[in-house]
Amino acid sequence: MKILVPVKRVPDPTQKAKIKDGHIDLAGASWIVNTFDEYAVETALRLCENGAENARIAGSEIIVVSLGPDDAAKEIRTCLAMGADRAIHVVTTDEEIDSLVVVKVLQGIIASEKPDLVVMGKQAVDGDANQVGQMLAGRLGWPQATFAASIEVAVDKKSLFVGREVDGGVEYKSVPVPSVITVDLRIVGPKAVKNNVTPETHVYSGEGARLPSLKGIMAAKKKPMVTAKVADYGAEPKAMIKELSVTLPPPRAAGEIVPDVVTLVKKLADVAKVL
């Protein structure tokens, strides 16, 4: 199985955001692989390996794709160190791209690479737009399964059985190959990914995506990473959506201590207007 995994570098969300001149100040920011995209890489690895033997399935390939500036290569190498086979780095600036530009570039890459599956995070933790996966499937005319919490490959390898999180619980659907899958947090559960190669008795750690080993980090330095431009894939580096300004929410008012439940209910009903 050939799997394409789009990834995005994002500012470390554990760092406190600072606003300067109406925009988020990224000077000195620490950059990481978007968490959901990191889980997508982990999902692709589990689909393409015998987890019990720590061995890749013959003929499988994982390609990481990222759009970003020159120094985004560091986050791409992180994905290669995890176990991805090769990468495509489309060099651009954040100001030149939005969801639609990203989708057009990915569409061009998919036309060239012809993967069996696209696996990606459900959203980026900086913009939280949750758009690229759905837009990509629509433009490709491919089936899609969003918010995937579990994936099982059919015995004939021609379809996937996906459990996706919805408001009422978990919805299960079968999607043929090729398709677009966007993954949610629970996809890295101990038995969330089944490929009918890894034995049923094998249990993954379930603590998130695997950390790159020293061997993986050294190997990543030699793995191929092609650099390209947005225009190489028939897209124009011109974002239709632009950020005008960013403001912090107003400070919350101080809380109030009430003497009893009756008073609390009355305050909620008459003052807060939430009952």
Protein backbone atom coordinates (compact mmCIF):
# COMPACT_ATOMS: atom_id res chain seq x y z
CA MET A 1 0.00 0.00 0.00
CA LYS A 2 1.26 3.45 -0.95
CA ILE A 3 0.17 6.11 1.54
CA LEU A 4 0.49 9.89 1.21
CA VAL A 5 0.56 11.80 4.50
CA PRO A 6 0.27 15.61 4.37
CA VAL A 7 1.77 17.26 7.45
CA LYS A 8 2.01 20.83 8.68
CA ARG A 9 4.45 22.49 11.03
CA VAL A 10 2.76 24.57 13.73
CA PRO A 11 3.90 26.70 16.67
CA ASP A 12 4.17 24.65 19.85
CA PRO A 13 0.71 25.11 21.47
CA THR A 14 2.22 24.76 24.94
CA GLN A 15 3.89 28.15 24.48
CA LYS A 16 1.89 31.21 25.45
CA ALA A 17 0.77 33.15 22.38
CA LYS A 18 1.74 36.81 22.18
CA ILE A 19 -0.08 39.46 20.16
CA LYS A 20 1.96 42.17 18.44
CA ASP A 21 0.53 44.82 16.12
CA GLY A 22 -2.72 42.87 15.75
CA HIS A 23 -1.07 39.57 14.82
CA ILE A 24 0.33 36.57 16.64
CA ASP A 25 4.02 37.18 17.28
CA LEU A 26 5.90 34.10 16.08
CA ALA A 27 9.36 35.51 16.69
CA GLY A 28 11.19 32.95 18.77
CA ALA A 29 8.38 30.39 18.46
CA SER A 30 9.20 26.69 18.74
CA TRP A 31 7.85 24.70 15.81
CA ILE A 32 6.57 21.12 15.92
CA VAL A 33 4.71 18.68 13.69
CA ASN A 34 0.97 19.25 14.03
CA THR A 35 -0.19 16.67 16.56
CA PHE A 36 -2.99 15.25 14.42
CA ASP A 37 -0.62 14.96 11.45
CA GLU A 38 1.89 13.16 13.66
CA TYR A 39 -0.89 10.71 14.50
CA ALA A 40 -1.54 10.34 10.77
CA VAL A 41 2.10 9.33 10.26
CA GLU A 42 1.74 6.82 13.10
CA THR A 43 -1.44 5.46 11.50
CA ALA A 44 0.31 5.04 8.14
CA LEU A 45 3.19 3.22 9.82
CA ARG A 46 0.83 0.81 11.57
CA LEU A 47 -0.97 0.15 8.30
CA CYS A 48 2.33 -0.68 6.59
CA GLU A 49 4.05 -2.88 9.15
CA ASN A 50 3.95 -6.04 11.16
CA GLY A 51 3.93 -4.38 14.56
CA ALA A 52 4.85 -7.54 16.44
CA GLU A 53 8.02 -8.02 14.41
CA ASN A 54 8.75 -4.32 13.85
CA ALA A 55 9.04 -5.06 10.13
CA ARG A 56 7.65 -3.21 7.14
CA ILE A 57 5.31 -4.96 4.71
CA ALA A 58 7.03 -5.57 1.39
CA GLY A 59 5.98 -3.10 -1.28
CA SER A 60 4.53 -0.55 1.14
CA GLU A 61 5.59 3.10 0.97
CA ILE A 62 4.84 6.19 3.03
CA ILE A 63 5.36 9.64 1.50
CA VAL A 64 5.23 12.75 3.66
CA VAL A 65 4.22 16.06 2.05
CA SER A 66 4.50 19.48 3.63
CA LEU A 67 4.06 23.08 2.48
CA GLY A 68 6.14 25.61 4.35
CA PRO A 69 9.30 27.71 4.45
CA ASP A 70 12.83 26.36 4.15
CA ASP A 71 13.19 25.65 7.85
CA ALA A 72 10.07 23.45 7.83
CA ALA A 73 12.47 20.75 6.62
CA LYS A 74 13.24 20.03 10.29
CA GLU A 75 9.69 18.89 11.01
CA ILE A 76 9.63 16.87 7.78
CA ARG A 77 12.80 15.06 8.88
CA THR A 78 11.05 14.24 12.15
CA CYS A 79 8.41 12.33 10.18
CA LEU A 80 11.11 10.56 8.18
CA ALA A 81 12.82 9.63 11.44
CA MET A 82 9.55 8.09 12.65
CA GLY A 83 9.67 5.75 9.66
CA ALA A 84 8.25 7.47 6.57
CA ASP A 85 10.19 6.56 3.42
CA ARG A 86 10.54 9.85 1.55
CA ALA A 87 9.22 13.39 1.53
CA ILE A 88 8.13 16.23 -0.72
CA HIS A 89 8.76 19.74 0.62
CA VAL A 90 6.82 22.42 -1.25
CA VAL A 91 8.67 25.57 -0.26
CA THR A 92 6.41 28.55 0.32
CA THR A 93 5.46 31.09 2.97
CA ASP A 94 2.44 30.91 5.24
CA GLU A 95 1.16 34.18 3.74
CA GLU A 96 1.03 32.66 0.24
CA ILE A 97 -1.17 29.69 1.08
CA ASP A 98 -4.54 28.85 2.54
CA SER A 99 -6.62 25.66 2.59
CA LEU A 100 -7.54 25.89 -1.10
CA VAL A 101 -3.95 26.41 -2.25
CA VAL A 102 -2.86 23.44 -0.12
CA VAL A 103 -5.60 21.28 -1.62
CA LYS A 104 -4.64 22.22 -5.18
CA VAL A 105 -1.01 21.35 -4.51
CA LEU A 106 -1.94 18.03 -2.92
CA GLN A 107 -4.19 17.28 -5.88
CA GLY A 108 -1.23 17.78 -8.22
CA ILE A 109 1.02 15.60 -6.07
CA ILE A 110 -1.60 12.84 -5.91
CA ALA A 111 -1.97 12.92 -9.70
CA SER A 112 1.78 12.36 -9.94
CA GLU A 113 2.31 9.86 -7.11
CA LYS A 114 -0.97 7.92 -7.45
CA PRO A 115 -1.17 6.77 -3.79
CA ASP A 116 -3.64 4.13 -2.63
CA LEU A 117 -4.59 6.18 0.40
CA VAL A 118 -4.29 9.69 1.82
CA VAL A 119 -4.09 9.79 5.62
CA MET A 120 -3.97 13.16 7.37
CA GLY A 121 -4.82 14.85 10.64
CA LYS A 122 -8.38 16.08 11.03
CA GLN A 123 -7.15 19.67 11.51
CA ALA A 124 -4.14 21.81 12.31
CA VAL A 125 -3.95 22.98 15.90
CA ASP A 126 -3.02 26.55 14.92
CA GLY A 127 -5.91 27.43 12.61
CA ASP A 128 -8.36 24.64 13.58
CA ALA A 129 -10.04 25.05 10.18
CA ASN A 130 -10.76 21.33 9.60
CA GLN A 131 -11.10 21.89 5.84
CA VAL A 132 -8.26 20.37 3.82
CA GLY A 133 -9.25 16.70 4.08
CA GLN A 134 -12.86 17.28 3.06
CA MET A 135 -11.96 19.73 0.28
CA LEU A 136 -9.32 17.36 -1.07
CA ALA A 137 -11.72 14.42 -1.21
CA GLY A 138 -14.28 16.62 -2.96
CA ARG A 139 -11.87 17.81 -5.64
CA LEU A 140 -10.51 14.30 -6.19
CA GLY A 141 -13.96 12.72 -6.24
CA TRP A 142 -12.69 10.17 -3.69
CA PRO A 143 -14.62 8.65 -0.78
CA GLN A 144 -13.69 10.05 2.61
CA ALA A 145 -13.91 9.12 6.29
CA THR A 146 -13.29 11.97 8.72
CA PHE A 147 -12.54 11.95 12.47
CA ALA A 148 -11.28 8.37 12.24
CA ALA A 149 -10.82 6.71 15.65
CA SER A 150 -10.13 3.25 14.23
CA ILE A 151 -9.17 1.71 10.88
CA GLU A 152 -9.21 -1.89 9.75
CA VAL A 153 -7.93 -3.02 6.36
CA ALA A 154 -10.10 -5.58 4.60
CA VAL A 155 -8.58 -8.98 3.87
CA ASP A 156 -8.57 -8.25 0.12
CA LYS A 157 -6.87 -4.85 0.75
CA LYS A 158 -9.48 -3.15 -1.42
CA SER A 159 -11.41 -1.34 1.32
CA LEU A 160 -11.14 0.03 4.84
CA PHE A 161 -13.55 -0.28 7.75
CA VAL A 162 -13.39 3.02 9.62
CA GLY A 163 -14.83 3.92 13.00
CA ARG A 164 -15.38 7.66 13.17
CA GLU A 165 -16.35 9.72 16.17
CA VAL A 166 -19.68 11.54 15.94
CA ASP A 167 -21.80 13.36 18.50
CA GLY A 168 -23.83 10.25 19.31
CA GLY A 169 -20.89 7.87 19.64
CA VAL A 170 -19.01 5.99 16.91
CA GLU A 171 -20.19 5.57 13.33
CA TYR A 172 -18.72 2.76 11.24
CA LYS A 173 -18.40 2.98 7.49
CA SER A 174 -16.64 1.07 4.74
CA VAL A 175 -14.68 3.09 2.19
CA PRO A 176 -12.95 1.70 -0.90
CA VAL A 177 -9.34 2.31 -1.85
CA PRO A 178 -8.33 4.96 -2.86
CA SER A 179 -9.85 7.30 -0.30
CA VAL A 180 -9.05 10.17 2.06
CA ILE A 181 -8.95 9.49 5.80
CA THR A 182 -8.59 12.19 8.46
CA VAL A 183 -7.65 10.92 11.90
CA ASP A 184 -8.68 11.93 15.41
CA LEU A 185 -6.96 11.49 18.78
CA ARG A 186 -8.05 7.90 19.49
CA ILE A 187 -6.47 6.55 16.31
CA VAL A 188 -3.30 5.91 18.33
CA GLY A 189 -5.11 3.61 20.76
CA PRO A 190 -3.52 0.20 21.49
CA LYS A 191 -5.65 -1.63 18.90
CA ALA A 192 -7.12 1.21 16.86
CA VAL A 193 -5.35 0.25 13.60
CA LYS A 194 -5.60 -3.27 12.19
CA ASN A 195 -4.04 -4.33 8.90
CA ASN A 196 -4.56 -8.12 8.97
CA VAL A 197 -0.77 -8.55 9.12
CA THR A 198 0.06 -7.50 12.64
CA PRO A 199 -1.22 -10.29 14.94
CA GLU A 200 -4.41 -9.62 16.89
CA THR A 201 -2.46 -10.29 20.08
CA HIS A 202 -0.11 -7.36 19.47
CA VAL A 203 -0.87 -4.23 21.48
CA TYR A 204 0.66 -0.84 20.67
CA SER A 205 1.66 1.42 23.54
CA GLY A 206 -1.37 3.70 23.11
CA GLU A 207 0.56 6.70 24.42
CA GLY A 208 0.58 8.65 21.17
CA ALA A 209 2.79 8.55 18.11
CA ARG A 210 6.11 6.73 18.33
CA LEU A 211 9.21 8.74 19.13
CA PRO A 212 12.01 8.72 16.55
CA SER A 213 14.81 6.37 17.58
CA LEU A 214 18.47 7.29 17.24
CA LYS A 215 18.67 4.83 14.35
CA GLY A 216 15.64 6.48 12.75
CA ILE A 217 17.12 9.96 13.15
CA MET A 218 20.35 8.89 11.48
CA ALA A 219 18.46 7.11 8.69
CA ALA A 220 16.26 10.18 8.09
CA LYS A 221 19.32 12.18 7.04
CA LYS A 222 19.77 9.89 4.03
CA LYS A 223 16.13 9.54 3.01
CA PRO A 224 15.13 11.48 -0.11
CA MET A 225 13.33 14.79 0.30
CA VAL A 226 12.38 16.53 -2.92
CA THR A 227 11.91 20.31 -2.83
CA ALA A 228 9.39 21.94 -5.12
CA LYS A 229 7.32 25.08 -5.60
CA VAL A 230 3.58 25.62 -5.44
CA ALA A 231 3.52 26.43 -9.16
CA ASP A 232 5.08 23.05 -9.96
CA TYR A 233 1.72 21.45 -9.17
CA GLY A 234 -0.49 23.82 -11.12
CA ALA A 235 -1.40 26.05 -8.18
CA GLU A 236 -0.86 29.75 -7.65
CA PRO A 237 0.84 30.88 -4.42
CA LYS A 238 -1.89 33.37 -3.63
CA ALA A 239 -4.13 32.92 -0.62
CA MET A 240 -7.78 33.94 -0.98
CA ILE A 241 -8.21 34.12 2.79
CA LYS A 242 -6.07 36.62 4.67
CA GLU A 243 -5.69 37.28 8.36
CA LEU A 244 -6.67 40.87 9.09
CA SER A 245 -6.12 41.01 12.84
CA VAL A 246 -6.01 38.94 15.99
CA THR A 247 -7.30 40.08 19.38
CA LEU A 248 -7.36 38.39 22.74
CA PRO A 249 -10.76 37.73 24.32
CA PRO A 250 -11.80 40.22 27.02
CA PRO A 251 -10.73 39.29 30.56
CA ARG A 252 -13.26 37.29 32.50
CA ALA A 253 -15.12 39.02 35.29
CA ALA A 254 -14.37 37.96 38.82
CA GLY A 255 -16.46 35.11 40.18
CA GLU A 256 -19.04 35.42 42.92
CA ILE A 257 -19.55 33.20 45.94
CA VAL A 258 -23.19 32.38 46.72
CA PRO A 259 -24.45 31.08 50.06
CA ASP A 260 -26.61 28.21 48.79
CA VAL A 261 -27.96 26.31 45.77
CA VAL A 262 -31.21 28.27 45.67
CA THR A 263 -29.33 31.53 45.29
CA LEU A 264 -27.06 29.96 42.65
CA VAL A 265 -30.00 28.82 40.54
CA LYS A 266 -31.63 32.24 40.84
CA LYS A 267 -28.42 33.98 39.76
CA LEU A 268 -28.02 31.63 36.78
CA ALA A 269 -31.60 32.27 35.72
CA ASP A 270 -31.98 36.00 36.39
CA VAL A 271 -28.46 37.38 35.98
CA ALA A 272 -26.48 35.01 33.75
CA LYS A 273 -29.60 34.08 31.71
CA VAL A 274 -28.33 30.53 31.15
CA LEU A 275 -31.33 28.73 32.62
